[in-house]
Amino acid sequence: VFRDLLERHPGNVEAQVGLAGALAWSGDLVGAERAWRQAREMDPGSLDVLVGLARTLRWQGRTAAALEVLERARRRFPGDPVVESQLRWVRATVEPGVRPSFALEDDSEENTRTTTSVTATYRPHPRADFRLDAYRRDASLDPLGLDQVAQGFLVSGGVELDPGWTAVAGAGATETDAVGEDALPAFRVGVTTPGRYRISGGLTLVREPLDR
């Protein structure tokens, strides 16, 4: 329907907005972004267009790009409740955070294992983030009378590149009394394809102890 309208009335902004929204809700995020940008060229000052484009970018996983569009909309429409609501959604994903975790495991032979871990994240910029992962694991093998302890950390940084690529690299160390007292180096590098496509993926290379 919207395409037919645009064929008959190429400059119809409402039809262009309708097409962009329909494409976004159908899952065609690439086509939706293209349609939103065409709508912005037709009507650069439209609030609906800016919010729609930002929402589509957020659905693509492009937090920084969505934030840039919303900040532009906020300058143009200060105090608008729709813009403020979308900004809260986006900023919630870039705020610093700490996530602790504790797990207790046992089996029928009274072997037990406890794992305490924490993950902290910080974004100095919407397109860059830093992350700290740390853990400690205590294991008790009751039939053998063995107690083992392992602990370690990994510090990593990531960057978001248009149109949605993400790259991550990190390094750290782990020590476990199962193989001696010396710390073992650990690292992680990876890249993830843009989430705007129907099929996306990633490749990660990790070196860390098996106990992790």
C-alpha atoms as a PDB file:
ATOM      1  CA  VAL A   1       0.000   0.000   0.000  1.00  0.00           C
ATOM      2  CA  PHE A   2       2.694   2.494   0.993  1.00  0.00           C
ATOM      3  CA  ARG A   3       4.805   1.647  -2.050  1.00  0.00           C
ATOM      4  CA  ASP A   4       1.806   2.205  -4.319  1.00  0.00           C
ATOM      5  CA  LEU A   5       1.181   5.570  -2.692  1.00  0.00           C
ATOM      6  CA  LEU A   6       4.805   6.574  -3.162  1.00  0.00           C
ATOM      7  CA  GLU A   7       4.711   5.582  -6.811  1.00  0.00           C
ATOM      8  CA  ARG A   8       1.741   7.893  -7.340  1.00  0.00           C
ATOM      9  CA  HIS A   9       2.961  10.589  -4.929  1.00  0.00           C
ATOM     10  CA  PRO A  10       6.773  10.346  -4.613  1.00  0.00           C
ATOM     11  CA  GLY A  11       7.024  13.207  -2.114  1.00  0.00           C
ATOM     12  CA  ASN A  12       4.360  11.971   0.311  1.00  0.00           C
ATOM     13  CA  VAL A  13       6.073  12.036   3.703  1.00  0.00           C
ATOM     14  CA  GLU A  14       3.283  10.184   5.510  1.00  0.00           C
ATOM     15  CA  ALA A  15       3.492   7.306   3.027  1.00  0.00           C
ATOM     16  CA  GLN A  16       7.278   7.197   3.425  1.00  0.00           C
ATOM     17  CA  VAL A  17       6.937   7.115   7.223  1.00  0.00           C
ATOM     18  CA  GLY A  18       4.340   4.355   6.955  1.00  0.00           C
ATOM     19  CA  LEU A  19       6.638   2.314   4.717  1.00  0.00           C
ATOM     20  CA  ALA A  20       9.586   2.737   7.088  1.00  0.00           C
ATOM     21  CA  GLY A  21       7.521   1.686  10.088  1.00  0.00           C
ATOM     22  CA  ALA A  22       6.087  -1.341   8.298  1.00  0.00           C
ATOM     23  CA  LEU A  23       9.551  -2.492   7.232  1.00  0.00           C
ATOM     24  CA  ALA A  24      10.897  -2.097  10.762  1.00  0.00           C
ATOM     25  CA  TRP A  25       8.093  -4.103  12.374  1.00  0.00           C
ATOM     26  CA  SER A  26       8.427  -6.809   9.713  1.00  0.00           C
ATOM     27  CA  GLY A  27      12.093  -7.300  10.637  1.00  0.00           C
ATOM     28  CA  ASP A  28      13.634  -5.722   7.536  1.00  0.00           C
ATOM     29  CA  LEU A  29      15.826  -3.378   9.564  1.00  0.00           C
ATOM     30  CA  VAL A  30      18.130  -2.515   6.666  1.00  0.00           C
ATOM     31  CA  GLY A  31      15.232  -1.517   4.438  1.00  0.00           C
ATOM     32  CA  ALA A  32      13.625   0.328   7.333  1.00  0.00           C
ATOM     33  CA  GLU A  33      16.746   2.388   8.009  1.00  0.00           C
ATOM     34  CA  ARG A  34      16.971   3.287   4.337  1.00  0.00           C
ATOM     35  CA  ALA A  35      13.308   4.314   4.289  1.00  0.00           C
ATOM     36  CA  TRP A  36      13.656   6.408   7.458  1.00  0.00           C
ATOM     37  CA  ARG A  37      16.654   8.243   6.037  1.00  0.00           C
ATOM     38  CA  GLN A  38      14.716   8.956   2.851  1.00  0.00           C
ATOM     39  CA  ALA A  39      11.884  10.307   4.991  1.00  0.00           C
ATOM     40  CA  ARG A  40      14.343  12.542   6.835  1.00  0.00           C
ATOM     41  CA  GLU A  41      15.525  13.962   3.515  1.00  0.00           C
ATOM     42  CA  MET A  42      11.897  14.770   2.676  1.00  0.00           C
ATOM     43  CA  ASP A  43      11.180  16.337   6.085  1.00  0.00           C
ATOM     44  CA  PRO A  44      14.359  16.981   8.130  1.00  0.00           C
ATOM     45  CA  GLY A  45      12.408  18.515  11.010  1.00  0.00           C
ATOM     46  CA  SER A  46       9.917  15.697  11.585  1.00  0.00           C
ATOM     47  CA  LEU A  47       9.849  14.342  15.131  1.00  0.00           C
ATOM     48  CA  ASP A  48       8.223  11.082  14.017  1.00  0.00           C
ATOM     49  CA  VAL A  49      11.004  10.497  11.503  1.00  0.00           C
ATOM     50  CA  LEU A  50      13.807  11.095  13.991  1.00  0.00           C
ATOM     51  CA  VAL A  51      12.218   8.869  16.643  1.00  0.00           C
ATOM     52  CA  GLY A  52      11.474   6.140  14.103  1.00  0.00           C
ATOM     53  CA  LEU A  53      15.036   6.180  12.803  1.00  0.00           C
ATOM     54  CA  ALA A  54      16.451   6.060  16.338  1.00  0.00           C
ATOM     55  CA  ARG A  55      14.183   3.159  17.297  1.00  0.00           C
ATOM     56  CA  THR A  56      15.249   1.189  14.219  1.00  0.00           C
ATOM     57  CA  LEU A  57      18.928   1.820  14.956  1.00  0.00           C
ATOM     58  CA  ARG A  58      18.368   0.637  18.530  1.00  0.00           C
ATOM     59  CA  TRP A  59      16.731  -2.551  17.271  1.00  0.00           C
ATOM     60  CA  GLN A  60      19.820  -3.090  15.123  1.00  0.00           C
ATOM     61  CA  GLY A  61      21.936  -2.978  18.264  1.00  0.00           C
ATOM     62  CA  ARG A  62      23.557   0.317  17.229  1.00  0.00           C
ATOM     63  CA  THR A  63      23.320   2.104  20.543  1.00  0.00           C
ATOM     64  CA  ALA A  64      25.690   4.943  19.687  1.00  0.00           C
ATOM     65  CA  ALA A  65      24.011   5.753  16.371  1.00  0.00           C
ATOM     66  CA  ALA A  66      20.565   5.746  18.017  1.00  0.00           C
ATOM     67  CA  LEU A  67      21.794   8.029  20.797  1.00  0.00           C
ATOM     68  CA  GLU A  68      23.194  10.525  18.285  1.00  0.00           C
ATOM     69  CA  VAL A  69      19.845  10.753  16.484  1.00  0.00           C
ATOM     70  CA  LEU A  70      17.899  11.128  19.743  1.00  0.00           C
ATOM     71  CA  GLU A  71      20.189  13.862  21.031  1.00  0.00           C
ATOM     72  CA  ARG A  72      19.608  15.711  17.763  1.00  0.00           C
ATOM     73  CA  ALA A  73      15.862  15.289  18.262  1.00  0.00           C
ATOM     74  CA  ARG A  74      16.124  16.522  21.851  1.00  0.00           C
ATOM     75  CA  ARG A  75      17.864  19.711  20.759  1.00  0.00           C
ATOM     76  CA  ARG A  76      15.128  20.306  18.200  1.00  0.00           C
ATOM     77  CA  PHE A  77      12.239  19.270  20.489  1.00  0.00           C
ATOM     78  CA  PRO A  78      13.362  19.939  24.092  1.00  0.00           C
ATOM     79  CA  GLY A  79      11.244  18.240  26.725  1.00  0.00           C
ATOM     80  CA  ASP A  80       9.286  16.060  24.304  1.00  0.00           C
ATOM     81  CA  PRO A  81       8.054  12.992  26.270  1.00  0.00           C
ATOM     82  CA  VAL A  82       8.528  10.565  23.374  1.00  0.00           C
ATOM     83  CA  VAL A  83      12.130  11.628  22.856  1.00  0.00           C
ATOM     84  CA  GLU A  84      12.823  11.480  26.594  1.00  0.00           C
ATOM     85  CA  SER A  85      11.337   7.981  26.795  1.00  0.00           C
ATOM     86  CA  GLN A  86      13.497   6.717  23.941  1.00  0.00           C
ATOM     87  CA  LEU A  87      16.559   8.349  25.484  1.00  0.00           C
ATOM     88  CA  ARG A  88      15.935   6.502  28.750  1.00  0.00           C
ATOM     89  CA  TRP A  89      15.771   3.191  26.871  1.00  0.00           C
ATOM     90  CA  VAL A  90      19.076   3.835  25.126  1.00  0.00           C
ATOM     91  CA  ARG A  91      20.927   5.287  28.103  1.00  0.00           C
ATOM     92  CA  ALA A  92      19.940   2.321  30.243  1.00  0.00           C
ATOM     93  CA  THR A  93      22.161   0.177  28.018  1.00  0.00           C
ATOM     94  CA  VAL A  94      25.205   2.457  28.298  1.00  0.00           C
ATOM     95  CA  GLU A  95      25.153   3.254  32.014  1.00  0.00           C
ATOM     96  CA  PRO A  96      27.879   1.732  34.227  1.00  0.00           C
ATOM     97  CA  GLY A  97      26.829  -1.475  35.909  1.00  0.00           C
ATOM     98  CA  VAL A  98      27.977  -4.235  38.252  1.00  0.00           C
ATOM     99  CA  ARG A  99      26.518  -7.749  38.119  1.00  0.00           C
ATOM    100  CA  PRO A 100      27.527 -10.182  40.901  1.00  0.00           C
ATOM    101  CA  SER A 101      26.817 -13.901  40.788  1.00  0.00           C
ATOM    102  CA  PHE A 102      27.072 -16.836  43.173  1.00  0.00           C
ATOM    103  CA  ALA A 103      26.525 -20.516  42.356  1.00  0.00           C
ATOM    104  CA  LEU A 104      26.635 -23.605  44.559  1.00  0.00           C
ATOM    105  CA  GLU A 105      26.809 -27.052  42.951  1.00  0.00           C
ATOM    106  CA  ASP A 106      26.920 -30.527  44.451  1.00  0.00           C
ATOM    107  CA  ASP A 107      26.303 -34.134  43.455  1.00  0.00           C
ATOM    108  CA  SER A 108      25.311 -37.477  44.961  1.00  0.00           C
ATOM    109  CA  GLU A 109      28.913 -38.184  46.017  1.00  0.00           C
ATOM    110  CA  GLU A 110      29.011 -35.001  48.118  1.00  0.00           C
ATOM    111  CA  ASN A 111      31.400 -33.208  45.801  1.00  0.00           C
ATOM    112  CA  THR A 112      30.776 -29.472  45.982  1.00  0.00           C
ATOM    113  CA  ARG A 113      31.782 -26.456  43.983  1.00  0.00           C
ATOM    114  CA  THR A 114      31.067 -22.797  44.655  1.00  0.00           C
ATOM    115  CA  THR A 115      31.664 -20.018  42.171  1.00  0.00           C
ATOM    116  CA  THR A 116      31.619 -16.325  42.965  1.00  0.00           C
ATOM    117  CA  SER A 117      31.927 -13.928  40.055  1.00  0.00           C
ATOM    118  CA  VAL A 118      31.381 -10.292  39.220  1.00  0.00           C
ATOM    119  CA  THR A 119      31.109  -8.382  35.950  1.00  0.00           C
ATOM    120  CA  ALA A 120      31.542  -4.604  35.815  1.00  0.00           C
ATOM    121  CA  THR A 121      30.943  -2.494  32.715  1.00  0.00           C
ATOM    122  CA  TYR A 122      31.712   1.135  31.921  1.00  0.00           C
ATOM    123  CA  ARG A 123      31.198   3.181  28.755  1.00  0.00           C
ATOM    124  CA  PRO A 124      33.304   6.333  28.534  1.00  0.00           C
ATOM    125  CA  HIS A 125      31.758   6.885  25.092  1.00  0.00           C
ATOM    126  CA  PRO A 126      28.615   5.428  23.460  1.00  0.00           C
ATOM    127  CA  ARG A 127      30.806   3.699  20.892  1.00  0.00           C
ATOM    128  CA  ALA A 128      33.327   2.242  23.353  1.00  0.00           C
ATOM    129  CA  ASP A 129      33.069   0.191  26.521  1.00  0.00           C
ATOM    130  CA  PHE A 130      35.300  -1.462  29.096  1.00  0.00           C
ATOM    131  CA  ARG A 131      34.489  -4.624  31.020  1.00  0.00           C
ATOM    132  CA  LEU A 132      35.983  -6.452  33.983  1.00  0.00           C
ATOM    133  CA  ASP A 133      35.194 -10.113  34.658  1.00  0.00           C
ATOM    134  CA  ALA A 134      36.542 -11.681  37.853  1.00  0.00           C
ATOM    135  CA  TYR A 135      35.810 -14.996  39.522  1.00  0.00           C
ATOM    136  CA  ARG A 136      36.819 -17.400  42.276  1.00  0.00           C
ATOM    137  CA  ARG A 137      35.923 -21.080  42.314  1.00  0.00           C
ATOM    138  CA  ASP A 138      36.311 -23.449  45.288  1.00  0.00           C
ATOM    139  CA  ALA A 139      35.903 -27.177  44.679  1.00  0.00           C
ATOM    140  CA  SER A 140      35.879 -30.014  47.171  1.00  0.00           C
ATOM    141  CA  LEU A 141      36.189 -33.601  45.929  1.00  0.00           C
ATOM    142  CA  ASP A 142      35.023 -35.415  49.031  1.00  0.00           C
ATOM    143  CA  PRO A 143      35.884 -39.060  48.170  1.00  0.00           C
ATOM    144  CA  LEU A 144      39.468 -38.048  47.373  1.00  0.00           C
ATOM    145  CA  GLY A 145      39.835 -35.461  50.103  1.00  0.00           C
ATOM    146  CA  LEU A 146      40.967 -32.850  47.578  1.00  0.00           C
ATOM    147  CA  ASP A 147      40.273 -29.133  47.713  1.00  0.00           C
ATOM    148  CA  GLN A 148      40.991 -26.919  44.731  1.00  0.00           C
ATOM    149  CA  VAL A 149      40.837 -23.174  44.290  1.00  0.00           C
ATOM    150  CA  ALA A 150      40.874 -21.220  41.038  1.00  0.00           C
ATOM    151  CA  GLN A 151      40.561 -17.494  40.536  1.00  0.00           C
ATOM    152  CA  GLY A 152      41.186 -15.006  37.793  1.00  0.00           C
ATOM    153  CA  PHE A 153      40.169 -11.891  35.929  1.00  0.00           C
ATOM    154  CA  LEU A 154      39.812 -10.560  32.396  1.00  0.00           C
ATOM    155  CA  VAL A 155      39.803  -6.893  31.365  1.00  0.00           C
ATOM    156  CA  SER A 156      38.402  -6.200  27.915  1.00  0.00           C
ATOM    157  CA  GLY A 157      37.418  -3.297  25.716  1.00  0.00           C
ATOM    158  CA  GLY A 158      34.968  -3.091  22.853  1.00  0.00           C
ATOM    159  CA  VAL A 159      34.136  -0.656  20.088  1.00  0.00           C
ATOM    160  CA  GLU A 160      31.061  -0.187  17.886  1.00  0.00           C
ATOM    161  CA  LEU A 161      31.639   0.642  14.232  1.00  0.00           C
ATOM    162  CA  ASP A 162      28.974   1.585  11.699  1.00  0.00           C
ATOM    163  CA  PRO A 163      26.884  -0.043  10.441  1.00  0.00           C
ATOM    164  CA  GLY A 164      26.903  -2.124  13.625  1.00  0.00           C
ATOM    165  CA  TRP A 165      30.154  -4.099  13.702  1.00  0.00           C
ATOM    166  CA  THR A 166      31.560  -4.716  17.184  1.00  0.00           C
ATOM    167  CA  ALA A 167      35.121  -5.690  18.041  1.00  0.00           C
ATOM    168  CA  VAL A 168      36.343  -6.849  21.454  1.00  0.00           C
ATOM    169  CA  ALA A 169      39.806  -7.549  22.857  1.00  0.00           C
ATOM    170  CA  GLY A 170      40.870  -8.373  26.386  1.00  0.00           C
ATOM    171  CA  ALA A 171      43.575  -9.901  28.548  1.00  0.00           C
ATOM    172  CA  GLY A 172      43.895 -11.225  32.065  1.00  0.00           C
ATOM    173  CA  ALA A 173      45.236 -14.054  34.173  1.00  0.00           C
ATOM    174  CA  THR A 174      44.079 -17.080  36.140  1.00  0.00           C
ATOM    175  CA  GLU A 175      45.719 -19.118  38.849  1.00  0.00           C
ATOM    176  CA  THR A 176      44.673 -22.541  40.073  1.00  0.00           C
ATOM    177  CA  ASP A 177      46.324 -24.925  42.502  1.00  0.00           C
ATOM    178  CA  ALA A 178      45.410 -27.783  40.184  1.00  0.00           C
ATOM    179  CA  VAL A 179      48.432 -26.946  38.014  1.00  0.00           C
ATOM    180  CA  GLY A 180      50.637 -25.073  40.455  1.00  0.00           C
ATOM    181  CA  GLU A 181      50.830 -21.576  41.862  1.00  0.00           C
ATOM    182  CA  ASP A 182      51.908 -19.693  38.728  1.00  0.00           C
ATOM    183  CA  ALA A 183      49.339 -17.474  37.052  1.00  0.00           C
ATOM    184  CA  LEU A 184      48.246 -18.483  33.568  1.00  0.00           C
ATOM    185  CA  PRO A 185      47.654 -15.791  30.935  1.00  0.00           C
ATOM    186  CA  ALA A 186      44.207 -15.468  29.408  1.00  0.00           C
ATOM    187  CA  PHE A 187      42.963 -13.468  26.445  1.00  0.00           C
ATOM    188  CA  ARG A 188      39.894 -12.959  24.308  1.00  0.00           C
ATOM    189  CA  VAL A 189      39.474 -11.329  20.888  1.00  0.00           C
ATOM    190  CA  GLY A 190      36.322 -11.309  18.833  1.00  0.00           C
ATOM    191  CA  VAL A 191      34.225  -9.599  16.201  1.00  0.00           C
ATOM    192  CA  THR A 192      30.462  -9.617  15.672  1.00  0.00           C
ATOM    193  CA  THR A 193      28.668  -8.817  12.436  1.00  0.00           C
ATOM    194  CA  PRO A 194      25.980  -6.112  12.356  1.00  0.00           C
ATOM    195  CA  GLY A 195      22.683  -7.131  13.934  1.00  0.00           C
ATOM    196  CA  ARG A 196      20.745  -5.201  11.303  1.00  0.00           C
ATOM    197  CA  TYR A 197      20.734  -8.220   8.995  1.00  0.00           C
ATOM    198  CA  ARG A 198      18.372 -11.174   9.285  1.00  0.00           C
ATOM    199  CA  ILE A 199      21.401 -13.437   9.766  1.00  0.00           C
ATOM    200  CA  SER A 200      24.311 -12.316  11.920  1.00  0.00           C
ATOM    201  CA  GLY A 201      27.182 -14.021  13.659  1.00  0.00           C
ATOM    202  CA  GLY A 202      30.475 -13.629  15.392  1.00  0.00           C
ATOM    203  CA  LEU A 203      33.926 -15.104  15.739  1.00  0.00           C
ATOM    204  CA  THR A 204      35.718 -15.256  19.086  1.00  0.00           C
ATOM    205  CA  LEU A 205      39.155 -16.591  19.968  1.00  0.00           C
ATOM    206  CA  VAL A 206      39.587 -17.399  23.665  1.00  0.00           C
ATOM    207  CA  ARG A 207      42.441 -18.744  25.738  1.00  0.00           C
ATOM    208  CA  GLU A 208      41.564 -19.527  29.339  1.00  0.00           C
ATOM    209  CA  PRO A 209      41.796 -22.493  31.745  1.00  0.00           C
ATOM    210  CA  LEU A 210      39.268 -25.301  31.436  1.00  0.00           C
ATOM    211  CA  ASP A 211      38.047 -24.671  34.976  1.00  0.00           C
ATOM    212  CA  ARG A 212      36.604 -21.329  33.886  1.00  0.00           C
END
